[in-house]
Amino acid sequence: MKSTKAFAPQTLAGFAALAIGFSSTAAIAAPSHRQIVTQGPNGASKLVKVAMASQPQAARQLSPFNLAYMAYQGWFTNEGIPSANQLLRNYRTGRISALEVAQAAVKTNRLSADTLQDESYLARLGTQLNALSQD
């Protein structure tokens, strides 16, 4: 017969701590809604669908910095906003404006429609797009 080793008390304590950690993480990380995520054209993850009745207004407000990078990563290609270098080239030449990028975000419910009237927000978005397009 083979003999089996008994676990040391330290090992059992480690397993108990690990189990408690997993159970508390699961309780904290339990999603309140279902998300469907897919891969974007340039490798960025895209949130395609959120099965949720309503979203708070604050949750739909992106910073100009985040919106510029999302556009750069290709999150708005389905709305006609090119990604990566094509976005930057079109922005530098005036073929795409900060307003058009913001409109694409509104169409995908990532930005409040009220933001389109906020000149300060659009100016900061333009500053971020300019910063991305600098060599």
Protein backbone atom coordinates (compact mmCIF):
# COMPACT_ATOMS: atom_id res chain seq x y z
CA MET A 1 0.00 0.00 0.00
CA LYS A 2 1.18 3.47 -0.75
CA SER A 3 1.42 5.87 2.08
CA THR A 4 0.07 9.37 1.74
CA LYS A 5 1.52 12.42 3.38
CA ALA A 6 -0.63 14.51 5.63
CA PHE A 7 -0.82 18.21 4.86
CA ALA A 8 1.09 20.43 7.19
CA PRO A 9 -1.02 22.86 9.26
CA GLN A 10 0.52 25.77 7.32
CA THR A 11 -0.63 24.25 4.03
CA LEU A 12 -4.19 23.82 5.31
CA ALA A 13 -4.20 27.39 6.56
CA GLY A 14 -3.02 28.52 3.13
CA PHE A 15 -5.82 26.62 1.42
CA ALA A 16 -8.36 28.14 3.81
CA ALA A 17 -7.07 31.66 3.12
CA LEU A 18 -7.19 30.97 -0.62
CA ALA A 19 -10.77 29.69 -0.38
CA ILE A 20 -11.84 32.76 1.59
CA GLY A 21 -10.12 34.99 -0.95
CA PHE A 22 -11.93 33.33 -3.84
CA SER A 23 -15.31 33.49 -2.15
CA SER A 24 -14.96 37.17 -1.25
CA THR A 25 -13.69 38.01 -4.74
CA ALA A 26 -16.64 36.22 -6.31
CA ALA A 27 -19.04 38.16 -4.11
CA ILE A 28 -17.44 41.48 -5.00
CA ALA A 29 -16.93 40.78 -8.70
CA ALA A 30 -20.39 39.35 -9.37
CA PRO A 31 -21.65 41.25 -12.41
CA SER A 32 -24.90 43.12 -12.07
CA HIS A 33 -25.49 42.88 -15.80
CA ARG A 34 -24.38 40.75 -18.71
CA GLN A 35 -21.74 42.07 -21.09
CA ILE A 36 -20.85 40.72 -24.51
CA VAL A 37 -17.30 41.59 -25.51
CA THR A 38 -15.70 41.11 -28.91
CA GLN A 39 -12.33 41.91 -30.47
CA GLY A 40 -12.06 45.21 -32.36
CA PRO A 41 -10.33 45.60 -35.74
CA ASN A 42 -7.01 46.68 -34.21
CA GLY A 43 -7.02 44.28 -31.28
CA ALA A 44 -9.02 46.45 -28.88
CA SER A 45 -11.81 44.80 -26.95
CA LYS A 46 -15.24 46.15 -27.78
CA LEU A 47 -18.24 46.04 -25.50
CA VAL A 48 -20.96 45.09 -27.96
CA LYS A 49 -23.99 44.74 -25.74
CA VAL A 50 -24.88 45.49 -22.17
CA ALA A 51 -28.07 43.80 -21.10
CA MET A 52 -29.19 46.43 -18.65
CA ALA A 53 -32.42 48.42 -18.51
CA SER A 54 -30.90 51.84 -17.95
CA GLN A 55 -27.49 53.28 -17.35
CA PRO A 56 -26.78 56.20 -15.05
CA GLN A 57 -25.82 59.42 -16.81
CA ALA A 58 -22.42 59.58 -15.09
CA ALA A 59 -21.50 56.10 -16.33
CA ARG A 60 -21.89 57.25 -19.93
CA GLN A 61 -19.51 60.20 -19.60
CA LEU A 62 -16.03 59.56 -21.01
CA SER A 63 -13.12 61.87 -20.48
CA PRO A 64 -11.78 63.51 -23.65
CA PHE A 65 -8.56 61.56 -23.10
CA ASN A 66 -10.37 58.20 -23.00
CA LEU A 67 -12.58 59.07 -25.96
CA ALA A 68 -9.58 60.04 -28.11
CA TYR A 69 -7.81 56.77 -27.31
CA MET A 70 -10.95 54.71 -27.89
CA ALA A 71 -11.27 56.30 -31.33
CA TYR A 72 -7.61 55.60 -32.00
CA GLN A 73 -8.08 51.95 -30.98
CA GLY A 74 -10.95 51.52 -33.43
CA TRP A 75 -13.99 51.51 -31.18
CA PHE A 76 -15.97 53.71 -33.60
CA THR A 77 -15.11 52.22 -36.99
CA ASN A 78 -18.71 51.04 -37.46
CA GLU A 79 -19.77 54.68 -37.08
CA GLY A 80 -17.39 55.84 -39.84
CA ILE A 81 -14.47 56.96 -37.66
CA PRO A 82 -11.24 55.38 -38.91
CA SER A 83 -8.72 54.07 -36.42
CA ALA A 84 -5.02 54.50 -35.68
CA ASN A 85 -2.96 56.47 -38.19
CA GLN A 86 -5.88 56.99 -40.58
CA LEU A 87 -7.79 58.74 -37.78
CA LEU A 88 -4.84 60.98 -37.00
CA ARG A 89 -4.21 61.77 -40.68
CA ASN A 90 -7.88 62.63 -41.24
CA TYR A 91 -7.95 64.78 -38.10
CA ARG A 92 -4.81 66.71 -39.13
CA THR A 93 -6.21 67.36 -42.61
CA GLY A 94 -9.64 68.37 -41.29
CA ARG A 95 -11.58 65.44 -42.76
CA ILE A 96 -12.66 64.42 -39.24
CA SER A 97 -13.45 66.76 -36.36
CA ALA A 98 -13.64 66.31 -32.61
CA LEU A 99 -17.40 66.79 -32.94
CA GLU A 100 -17.67 63.82 -35.32
CA VAL A 101 -15.71 61.62 -32.90
CA ALA A 102 -18.02 62.70 -30.08
CA GLN A 103 -21.09 62.03 -32.26
CA ALA A 104 -19.85 58.48 -32.88
CA ALA A 105 -19.53 57.98 -29.12
CA VAL A 106 -23.08 59.27 -28.63
CA LYS A 107 -24.37 56.84 -31.29
CA THR A 108 -22.84 53.93 -29.37
CA ASN A 109 -24.22 55.18 -26.02
CA ARG A 110 -20.77 55.80 -24.62
CA LEU A 111 -21.29 59.52 -24.27
CA SER A 112 -24.22 61.69 -23.29
CA ALA A 113 -25.86 63.63 -26.13
CA ASP A 114 -25.61 66.79 -24.00
CA THR A 115 -21.84 66.63 -24.43
CA LEU A 116 -22.19 67.61 -28.09
CA GLN A 117 -23.20 71.10 -26.92
CA ASP A 118 -20.26 71.40 -24.49
CA GLU A 119 -17.66 73.53 -26.30
CA SER A 120 -15.14 73.01 -23.49
CA TYR A 121 -15.39 69.22 -23.79
CA LEU A 122 -15.02 69.34 -27.58
CA ALA A 123 -11.99 71.64 -27.27
CA ARG A 124 -10.35 69.23 -24.80
CA LEU A 125 -11.13 66.31 -27.12
CA GLY A 126 -9.51 68.25 -29.96
CA THR A 127 -6.45 68.85 -27.78
CA GLN A 128 -6.19 65.11 -27.10
CA LEU A 129 -6.53 64.26 -30.80
CA ASN A 130 -3.84 66.85 -31.59
CA ALA A 131 -1.56 65.34 -28.97
CA LEU A 132 -2.01 61.89 -30.52
CA SER A 133 -1.28 63.19 -34.01
CA GLN A 134 2.02 64.87 -33.03
CA ASP A 135 5.08 62.91 -34.11
